[in-house]
Amino acid sequence: MLRSRGTERLRHLALAALYFALVTPAGLCARAVRDPLRRSWDRSRTSYLDRPARPRRPCAAFRRAP
């Protein structure tokens, strides 16, 4: 079934309206409830650098032969 150019434009317009009517408010509400990037200021922290849990050792396959 062939679609006309007007039908394609109307479909894109409907999808854009659906996105801005549903997805955008949901994202704004989620950001209002919690801080997903943990951007809030915490005076008790000495550093905001997240250290790795343990140091990584090189894989045995990449070690140089003596």
Protein backbone atom coordinates (compact mmCIF):
# COMPACT_ATOMS: atom_id res chain seq x y z
CA MET A 1 0.00 0.00 0.00
CA LEU A 2 1.44 3.34 -1.04
CA ARG A 3 1.49 6.24 1.36
CA SER A 4 1.23 9.80 0.27
CA ARG A 5 3.65 12.49 1.36
CA GLY A 6 0.90 14.15 3.38
CA THR A 7 0.21 10.96 5.29
CA GLU A 8 3.90 10.61 6.15
CA ARG A 9 4.05 14.21 7.39
CA LEU A 10 0.93 13.71 9.46
CA ARG A 11 2.41 10.56 10.99
CA HIS A 12 5.64 12.37 11.91
CA LEU A 13 3.66 15.23 13.40
CA ALA A 14 1.54 12.80 15.44
CA LEU A 15 4.63 10.98 16.74
CA ALA A 16 6.26 14.28 17.71
CA ALA A 17 3.12 15.37 19.55
CA LEU A 18 2.95 12.02 21.33
CA TYR A 19 6.59 12.31 22.35
CA PHE A 20 6.21 15.83 23.75
CA ALA A 21 2.91 14.94 25.43
CA LEU A 22 4.08 11.73 27.17
CA VAL A 23 7.84 11.25 27.25
CA THR A 24 8.95 14.80 28.05
CA PRO A 25 6.67 15.27 31.10
CA ALA A 26 7.62 11.82 32.38
CA GLY A 27 11.30 12.74 32.19
CA LEU A 28 10.74 16.08 33.89
CA CYS A 29 8.80 14.40 36.69
CA ALA A 30 11.54 11.81 37.16
CA ARG A 31 14.15 14.55 37.41
CA ALA A 32 12.02 16.46 39.91
CA VAL A 33 11.70 13.42 42.18
CA ARG A 34 15.34 12.30 42.23
CA ASP A 35 18.76 13.43 41.06
CA PRO A 36 19.99 10.74 38.63
CA LEU A 37 23.47 12.27 38.25
CA ARG A 38 23.89 12.96 41.98
CA ARG A 39 24.59 16.64 41.33
CA SER A 40 23.51 17.82 44.77
CA TRP A 41 26.13 19.41 47.01
CA ASP A 42 27.24 17.39 50.04
CA ARG A 43 29.45 19.30 52.48
CA SER A 44 30.41 16.17 54.42
CA ARG A 45 32.23 14.64 51.45
CA THR A 46 35.92 15.35 51.10
CA SER A 47 36.03 14.43 47.42
CA TYR A 48 33.56 13.72 44.66
CA LEU A 49 35.97 11.43 42.84
CA ASP A 50 34.67 7.88 42.75
CA ARG A 51 37.63 5.56 43.23
CA PRO A 52 37.56 2.10 41.65
CA ALA A 53 36.74 -0.76 44.01
CA ARG A 54 40.08 -2.51 43.43
CA PRO A 55 43.06 -1.84 41.20
CA ARG A 56 43.03 -3.60 37.88
CA ARG A 57 45.86 -5.94 37.07
CA PRO A 58 46.91 -6.53 33.48
CA CYS A 59 45.76 -9.72 31.88
CA ALA A 60 48.32 -12.54 31.64
CA ALA A 61 48.04 -12.55 27.86
CA PHE A 62 49.34 -8.95 27.70
CA ARG A 63 52.31 -9.34 30.04
CA ARG A 64 55.77 -9.12 28.54
CA ALA A 65 57.93 -12.19 28.53
CA PRO A 66 61.07 -11.91 30.71
